[in-house]
Amino acid sequence: MRIAGIHHVAIIASDYEKSKDFYTRILGFEVIAENYRAERQSYKLDLAVPGGTQIELFSFPDPPARVAWPEAAGLRHLAFKVPDVGAALSELAAEGVRTEEIRVDDYTGMRFAFFFDPDDLPLELYEVTIPGMADAR
């Protein structure tokens, strides 16, 4: 088997419109397609993430809450590359998004920080040099 990369990450939202606004307006992901599946009473929103990965945002009637604390087995978080973690945190804070302090990875020396979507899903900003993007720091 030869895996070529990650195609998409699927997220189930408890409040579809609130999460759609978060991922499109606040994070700036472009809508590829939006479909309502009447038989499932569910929306499926495909979003383009820079670099070729996609997010599939779903809604379902009364989804169970995600087990988050203490840490449960399973997918822990989704991390996004940014050229400046501090600047990105400032933008999120201006939108009222809950964020944590910047940390430094003990092994790589890279800066990172967590923030949370409308359902308290942990998301990470990981600072990397991105060709073609000026470092605002």
N, C-alpha and C. Protein backbone atom coordinates (compact mmCIF):
# COMPACT_ATOMS: atom_id res chain seq x y z
N MET A 1 0.85 -1.19 0.00
CA MET A 1 0.00 0.00 0.00
C MET A 1 0.89 1.24 0.00
N ARG A 2 0.48 2.24 -0.79
CA ARG A 2 1.20 3.51 -0.85
C ARG A 2 0.22 4.63 -0.56
N ILE A 3 0.30 5.20 0.63
CA ILE A 3 -0.57 6.31 0.99
C ILE A 3 0.06 7.60 0.48
N ALA A 4 -0.74 8.40 -0.22
CA ALA A 4 -0.23 9.62 -0.84
C ALA A 4 -0.46 10.87 -0.01
N GLY A 5 -1.25 10.77 1.06
CA GLY A 5 -1.53 11.94 1.89
C GLY A 5 -2.89 11.81 2.54
N ILE A 6 -3.30 12.84 3.24
CA ILE A 6 -4.62 12.86 3.87
C ILE A 6 -5.59 13.57 2.93
N HIS A 7 -6.71 12.93 2.62
CA HIS A 7 -7.71 13.53 1.75
C HIS A 7 -8.65 14.44 2.54
N HIS A 8 -9.22 13.93 3.65
CA HIS A 8 -10.16 14.74 4.41
C HIS A 8 -10.22 14.31 5.87
N VAL A 9 -10.75 15.20 6.68
CA VAL A 9 -11.06 14.94 8.07
C VAL A 9 -12.54 15.24 8.22
N ALA A 10 -13.29 14.36 8.88
CA ALA A 10 -14.73 14.54 9.05
C ALA A 10 -15.03 15.04 10.47
N ILE A 11 -15.89 16.03 10.56
CA ILE A 11 -16.29 16.62 11.84
C ILE A 11 -17.81 16.65 11.89
N ILE A 12 -18.39 16.23 13.01
CA ILE A 12 -19.84 16.31 13.21
C ILE A 12 -20.12 17.48 14.14
N ALA A 13 -20.96 18.40 13.67
CA ALA A 13 -21.29 19.61 14.43
C ALA A 13 -22.62 19.46 15.15
N SER A 14 -22.71 20.02 16.35
CA SER A 14 -24.00 20.00 17.05
C SER A 14 -24.90 21.14 16.57
N ASP A 15 -24.28 22.25 16.13
CA ASP A 15 -25.01 23.40 15.59
C ASP A 15 -24.39 23.70 14.22
N TYR A 16 -25.01 23.18 13.17
CA TYR A 16 -24.43 23.24 11.83
C TYR A 16 -24.12 24.67 11.39
N GLU A 17 -25.08 25.59 11.54
CA GLU A 17 -24.86 26.96 11.07
C GLU A 17 -23.73 27.65 11.82
N LYS A 18 -23.64 27.42 13.12
CA LYS A 18 -22.57 28.02 13.92
C LYS A 18 -21.20 27.47 13.50
N SER A 19 -21.14 26.16 13.29
CA SER A 19 -19.87 25.55 12.86
C SER A 19 -19.53 25.93 11.43
N LYS A 20 -20.52 26.02 10.56
CA LYS A 20 -20.27 26.45 9.18
C LYS A 20 -19.66 27.85 9.18
N ASP A 21 -20.21 28.76 9.98
CA ASP A 21 -19.66 30.11 10.09
C ASP A 21 -18.23 30.08 10.62
N PHE A 22 -17.97 29.27 11.63
CA PHE A 22 -16.63 29.16 12.22
C PHE A 22 -15.61 28.71 11.18
N TYR A 23 -15.90 27.62 10.48
CA TYR A 23 -14.92 27.05 9.54
C TYR A 23 -14.80 27.85 8.25
N THR A 24 -15.84 28.57 7.85
CA THR A 24 -15.75 29.35 6.60
C THR A 24 -15.34 30.79 6.87
N ARG A 25 -16.05 31.50 7.71
CA ARG A 25 -15.76 32.92 7.94
C ARG A 25 -14.54 33.13 8.82
N ILE A 26 -14.47 32.44 9.95
CA ILE A 26 -13.37 32.68 10.89
C ILE A 26 -12.08 32.01 10.42
N LEU A 27 -12.14 30.73 10.05
CA LEU A 27 -10.92 30.05 9.59
C LEU A 27 -10.66 30.26 8.12
N GLY A 28 -11.66 30.67 7.35
CA GLY A 28 -11.45 31.04 5.96
C GLY A 28 -11.41 29.89 4.97
N PHE A 29 -11.94 28.73 5.32
CA PHE A 29 -11.94 27.61 4.39
C PHE A 29 -13.02 27.81 3.34
N GLU A 30 -12.67 27.47 2.11
CA GLU A 30 -13.58 27.66 0.97
C GLU A 30 -14.55 26.49 0.83
N VAL A 31 -15.81 26.82 0.55
CA VAL A 31 -16.82 25.79 0.34
C VAL A 31 -16.63 25.15 -1.04
N ILE A 32 -16.50 23.83 -1.05
CA ILE A 32 -16.43 23.06 -2.29
C ILE A 32 -17.85 22.66 -2.69
N ALA A 33 -18.59 22.13 -1.74
CA ALA A 33 -19.97 21.68 -1.99
C ALA A 33 -20.72 21.62 -0.67
N GLU A 34 -22.03 21.88 -0.76
CA GLU A 34 -22.90 21.77 0.41
C GLU A 34 -24.15 21.01 -0.02
N ASN A 35 -24.45 19.95 0.70
CA ASN A 35 -25.59 19.12 0.35
C ASN A 35 -26.42 18.80 1.59
N TYR A 36 -27.74 18.84 1.42
CA TYR A 36 -28.64 18.41 2.48
C TYR A 36 -29.15 17.03 2.11
N ARG A 37 -28.98 16.08 3.01
CA ARG A 37 -29.42 14.70 2.79
C ARG A 37 -30.68 14.49 3.61
N ALA A 38 -31.83 14.68 2.97
CA ALA A 38 -33.13 14.66 3.65
C ALA A 38 -33.37 13.33 4.38
N GLU A 39 -32.98 12.23 3.76
CA GLU A 39 -33.21 10.93 4.37
C GLU A 39 -32.47 10.75 5.70
N ARG A 40 -31.39 11.51 5.89
CA ARG A 40 -30.61 11.44 7.12
C ARG A 40 -30.78 12.68 7.99
N GLN A 41 -31.57 13.64 7.51
CA GLN A 41 -31.74 14.93 8.19
C GLN A 41 -30.36 15.52 8.51
N SER A 42 -29.51 15.52 7.49
CA SER A 42 -28.10 15.84 7.69
C SER A 42 -27.55 16.70 6.56
N TYR A 43 -26.75 17.69 6.95
CA TYR A 43 -25.97 18.44 5.98
C TYR A 43 -24.59 17.81 5.87
N LYS A 44 -23.99 17.94 4.68
CA LYS A 44 -22.59 17.58 4.46
C LYS A 44 -21.98 18.75 3.71
N LEU A 45 -21.03 19.40 4.35
CA LEU A 45 -20.34 20.55 3.78
C LEU A 45 -18.89 20.17 3.54
N ASP A 46 -18.45 20.24 2.28
CA ASP A 46 -17.06 19.95 1.94
C ASP A 46 -16.30 21.27 1.86
N LEU A 47 -15.21 21.34 2.62
CA LEU A 47 -14.41 22.57 2.71
C LEU A 47 -12.99 22.31 2.24
N ALA A 48 -12.42 23.25 1.49
CA ALA A 48 -11.05 23.15 1.01
C ALA A 48 -10.11 23.79 2.03
N VAL A 49 -9.13 23.02 2.47
CA VAL A 49 -8.08 23.50 3.36
C VAL A 49 -6.85 23.72 2.48
N PRO A 50 -6.15 24.86 2.62
CA PRO A 50 -4.96 25.06 1.80
C PRO A 50 -4.01 23.86 1.90
N GLY A 51 -3.45 23.47 0.77
CA GLY A 51 -2.54 22.34 0.73
C GLY A 51 -3.20 21.08 0.20
N GLY A 52 -4.52 21.14 -0.06
CA GLY A 52 -5.18 20.02 -0.70
C GLY A 52 -6.04 19.15 0.18
N THR A 53 -5.94 19.27 1.49
CA THR A 53 -6.79 18.49 2.39
C THR A 53 -8.17 19.12 2.45
N GLN A 54 -9.17 18.31 2.76
CA GLN A 54 -10.54 18.81 2.90
C GLN A 54 -11.07 18.50 4.29
N ILE A 55 -12.04 19.29 4.71
CA ILE A 55 -12.82 19.00 5.92
C ILE A 55 -14.24 18.72 5.46
N GLU A 56 -14.80 17.61 5.95
CA GLU A 56 -16.21 17.32 5.73
C GLU A 56 -16.93 17.67 7.03
N LEU A 57 -17.80 18.66 6.97
CA LEU A 57 -18.56 19.09 8.15
C LEU A 57 -19.97 18.52 8.03
N PHE A 58 -20.35 17.70 9.00
CA PHE A 58 -21.65 17.04 9.01
C PHE A 58 -22.53 17.59 10.12
N SER A 59 -23.85 17.48 9.91
CA SER A 59 -24.81 17.70 10.98
C SER A 59 -25.68 16.45 11.05
N PHE A 60 -26.06 16.07 12.24
CA PHE A 60 -26.99 14.98 12.46
C PHE A 60 -27.91 15.39 13.59
N PRO A 61 -29.15 14.92 13.60
CA PRO A 61 -30.04 15.25 14.71
C PRO A 61 -29.51 14.67 16.02
N ASP A 62 -29.36 15.50 17.03
CA ASP A 62 -28.97 15.08 18.39
C ASP A 62 -27.74 14.18 18.45
N PRO A 63 -26.59 14.62 17.93
CA PRO A 63 -25.40 13.78 18.05
C PRO A 63 -24.94 13.72 19.50
N PRO A 64 -24.39 12.59 19.95
CA PRO A 64 -23.90 12.52 21.32
C PRO A 64 -22.68 13.43 21.49
N ALA A 65 -22.48 13.90 22.72
CA ALA A 65 -21.33 14.77 23.00
C ALA A 65 -20.04 13.97 22.86
N ARG A 66 -18.99 14.65 22.43
CA ARG A 66 -17.68 14.04 22.29
C ARG A 66 -17.03 13.91 23.66
N VAL A 67 -16.42 12.77 23.93
CA VAL A 67 -15.67 12.60 25.17
C VAL A 67 -14.33 13.30 24.98
N ALA A 68 -14.06 14.30 25.81
CA ALA A 68 -12.83 15.07 25.61
C ALA A 68 -11.93 15.08 26.85
N TRP A 69 -12.50 15.17 28.00
CA TRP A 69 -11.68 15.28 29.22
C TRP A 69 -12.16 14.27 30.24
N PRO A 70 -11.38 13.44 30.87
CA PRO A 70 -9.96 13.32 30.56
C PRO A 70 -9.77 12.76 29.16
N GLU A 71 -8.55 12.80 28.70
CA GLU A 71 -8.27 12.37 27.34
C GLU A 71 -8.77 10.95 27.11
N ALA A 72 -9.50 10.76 26.03
CA ALA A 72 -10.05 9.46 25.67
C ALA A 72 -9.26 8.90 24.49
N ALA A 73 -9.33 7.59 24.30
CA ALA A 73 -8.68 6.98 23.15
C ALA A 73 -9.35 7.47 21.87
N GLY A 74 -8.58 7.58 20.81
CA GLY A 74 -9.12 8.02 19.53
C GLY A 74 -8.37 9.23 19.02
N LEU A 75 -8.89 9.81 17.96
CA LEU A 75 -8.26 10.99 17.36
C LEU A 75 -8.21 12.11 18.38
N ARG A 76 -7.05 12.67 18.62
CA ARG A 76 -6.87 13.68 19.67
C ARG A 76 -7.19 15.09 19.20
N HIS A 77 -6.61 15.52 18.09
CA HIS A 77 -6.86 16.86 17.59
C HIS A 77 -6.45 16.95 16.13
N LEU A 78 -6.79 18.08 15.52
CA LEU A 78 -6.44 18.40 14.15
C LEU A 78 -5.55 19.63 14.21
N ALA A 79 -4.40 19.60 13.54
CA ALA A 79 -3.44 20.71 13.59
C ALA A 79 -3.33 21.38 12.22
N PHE A 80 -3.29 22.72 12.25
CA PHE A 80 -3.14 23.52 11.04
C PHE A 80 -1.79 24.23 11.05
N LYS A 81 -1.12 24.27 9.90
CA LYS A 81 0.14 25.00 9.76
C LYS A 81 -0.15 26.49 9.63
N VAL A 82 0.61 27.30 10.36
CA VAL A 82 0.52 28.76 10.24
C VAL A 82 1.93 29.34 10.29
N PRO A 83 2.15 30.51 9.65
CA PRO A 83 3.48 31.11 9.70
C PRO A 83 3.76 31.83 11.02
N ASP A 84 2.72 32.20 11.77
CA ASP A 84 2.90 32.93 13.03
C ASP A 84 1.76 32.59 13.99
N VAL A 85 2.06 31.76 14.98
CA VAL A 85 1.05 31.31 15.93
C VAL A 85 0.46 32.50 16.69
N GLY A 86 1.30 33.44 17.13
CA GLY A 86 0.82 34.59 17.89
C GLY A 86 -0.18 35.43 17.12
N ALA A 87 0.11 35.70 15.87
CA ALA A 87 -0.80 36.50 15.03
C ALA A 87 -2.11 35.75 14.82
N ALA A 88 -2.03 34.45 14.58
CA ALA A 88 -3.24 33.65 14.37
C ALA A 88 -4.10 33.62 15.64
N LEU A 89 -3.46 33.49 16.80
CA LEU A 89 -4.21 33.50 18.06
C LEU A 89 -4.91 34.84 18.27
N SER A 90 -4.24 35.93 17.92
CA SER A 90 -4.85 37.26 18.05
C SER A 90 -6.09 37.38 17.18
N GLU A 91 -6.03 36.87 15.95
CA GLU A 91 -7.19 36.91 15.06
C GLU A 91 -8.34 36.09 15.63
N LEU A 92 -8.04 34.92 16.15
CA LEU A 92 -9.08 34.08 16.74
C LEU A 92 -9.70 34.73 17.97
N ALA A 93 -8.87 35.31 18.83
CA ALA A 93 -9.37 35.97 20.04
C ALA A 93 -10.28 37.14 19.68
N ALA A 94 -9.96 37.86 18.61
CA ALA A 94 -10.79 38.98 18.17
C ALA A 94 -12.17 38.51 17.73
N GLU A 95 -12.29 37.24 17.34
CA GLU A 95 -13.57 36.66 16.94
C GLU A 95 -14.28 35.98 18.12
N GLY A 96 -13.67 36.05 19.31
CA GLY A 96 -14.27 35.44 20.49
C GLY A 96 -14.02 33.95 20.61
N VAL A 97 -13.05 33.43 19.88
CA VAL A 97 -12.74 32.01 19.92
C VAL A 97 -11.86 31.72 21.14
N ARG A 98 -12.18 30.64 21.86
CA ARG A 98 -11.39 30.26 23.03
C ARG A 98 -10.04 29.71 22.57
N THR A 99 -8.97 30.24 23.15
CA THR A 99 -7.62 29.82 22.79
C THR A 99 -6.83 29.53 24.06
N GLU A 100 -5.72 28.86 23.89
CA GLU A 100 -4.77 28.62 24.98
C GLU A 100 -3.48 29.37 24.68
N GLU A 101 -2.60 29.39 25.65
CA GLU A 101 -1.30 30.06 25.51
C GLU A 101 -0.39 29.31 24.54
N ILE A 102 0.55 30.05 23.98
CA ILE A 102 1.56 29.45 23.09
C ILE A 102 2.48 28.56 23.93
N ARG A 103 2.77 27.40 23.38
CA ARG A 103 3.72 26.47 24.00
C ARG A 103 4.85 26.22 23.01
N VAL A 104 5.92 25.61 23.49
CA VAL A 104 7.03 25.23 22.63
C VAL A 104 7.22 23.73 22.74
N ASP A 105 7.25 23.05 21.60
CA ASP A 105 7.43 21.60 21.57
C ASP A 105 8.81 21.25 22.12
N ASP A 106 8.85 20.42 23.15
CA ASP A 106 10.11 20.04 23.81
C ASP A 106 11.09 19.37 22.87
N TYR A 107 10.59 18.71 21.83
CA TYR A 107 11.47 17.95 20.95
C TYR A 107 11.87 18.71 19.69
N THR A 108 10.96 19.49 19.14
CA THR A 108 11.26 20.18 17.88
C THR A 108 11.63 21.64 18.08
N GLY A 109 11.25 22.21 19.22
CA GLY A 109 11.48 23.64 19.47
C GLY A 109 10.48 24.53 18.75
N MET A 110 9.46 23.94 18.11
CA MET A 110 8.48 24.72 17.36
C MET A 110 7.38 25.23 18.28
N ARG A 111 6.81 26.39 17.92
CA ARG A 111 5.73 27.00 18.70
C ARG A 111 4.38 26.45 18.23
N PHE A 112 3.47 26.26 19.19
CA PHE A 112 2.13 25.78 18.87
C PHE A 112 1.17 26.24 19.94
N ALA A 113 -0.12 26.20 19.62
CA ALA A 113 -1.16 26.55 20.59
C ALA A 113 -2.46 25.89 20.17
N PHE A 114 -3.31 25.65 21.16
CA PHE A 114 -4.61 25.06 20.89
C PHE A 114 -5.70 26.12 20.90
N PHE A 115 -6.74 25.87 20.11
CA PHE A 115 -7.96 26.67 20.12
C PHE A 115 -9.11 25.69 19.93
N PHE A 116 -10.34 26.17 20.05
CA PHE A 116 -11.47 25.25 20.09
C PHE A 116 -12.60 25.71 19.19
N ASP A 117 -13.20 24.75 18.49
CA ASP A 117 -14.32 25.07 17.60
C ASP A 117 -15.61 25.20 18.43
N PRO A 118 -16.75 25.51 17.81
CA PRO A 118 -17.99 25.70 18.58
C PRO A 118 -18.42 24.49 19.41
N ASP A 119 -17.96 23.29 19.07
CA ASP A 119 -18.28 22.10 19.85
C ASP A 119 -17.16 21.71 20.80
N ASP A 120 -16.22 22.62 21.01
CA ASP A 120 -15.07 22.39 21.90
C ASP A 120 -14.10 21.35 21.35
N LEU A 121 -14.13 21.11 20.04
CA LEU A 121 -13.17 20.22 19.41
C LEU A 121 -11.80 20.88 19.48
N PRO A 122 -10.79 20.18 20.02
CA PRO A 122 -9.47 20.80 20.09
C PRO A 122 -8.81 20.87 18.72
N LEU A 123 -8.41 22.07 18.35
CA LEU A 123 -7.69 22.33 17.10
C LEU A 123 -6.36 22.95 17.47
N GLU A 124 -5.34 22.74 16.67
CA GLU A 124 -4.01 23.24 16.99
C GLU A 124 -3.49 24.11 15.86
N LEU A 125 -2.76 25.15 16.24
CA LEU A 125 -2.00 25.96 15.30
C LEU A 125 -0.54 25.58 15.51
N TYR A 126 0.15 25.18 14.45
CA TYR A 126 1.54 24.75 14.54
C TYR A 126 2.37 25.65 13.62
N GLU A 127 3.32 26.34 14.20
CA GLU A 127 4.09 27.34 13.45
C GLU A 127 5.18 26.69 12.61
N VAL A 128 5.11 26.94 11.32
CA VAL A 128 6.11 26.44 10.37
C VAL A 128 6.41 27.53 9.35
N THR A 129 7.55 27.43 8.74
CA THR A 129 7.87 28.33 7.64
C THR A 129 7.11 27.85 6.41
N ILE A 130 6.33 28.74 5.84
CA ILE A 130 5.50 28.37 4.69
C ILE A 130 6.00 29.18 3.49
N PRO A 131 6.54 28.51 2.47
CA PRO A 131 7.02 29.23 1.29
C PRO A 131 5.93 30.13 0.71
N GLY A 132 6.29 31.36 0.41
CA GLY A 132 5.34 32.29 -0.18
C GLY A 132 4.51 33.07 0.82
N MET A 133 4.64 32.75 2.10
CA MET A 133 3.93 33.47 3.14
C MET A 133 4.95 34.20 4.01
N ALA A 134 4.81 35.50 4.10
CA ALA A 134 5.72 36.28 4.94
C ALA A 134 5.48 35.97 6.39
N ASP A 135 6.54 35.84 7.16
CA ASP A 135 6.42 35.64 8.61
C ASP A 135 6.14 36.99 9.24
N ALA A 136 4.97 37.13 9.83
CA ALA A 136 4.53 38.41 10.39
C ALA A 136 5.19 38.74 11.71
N ARG A 137 5.96 37.81 12.28
CA ARG A 137 6.57 38.09 13.58
C ARG A 137 7.71 39.05 13.46
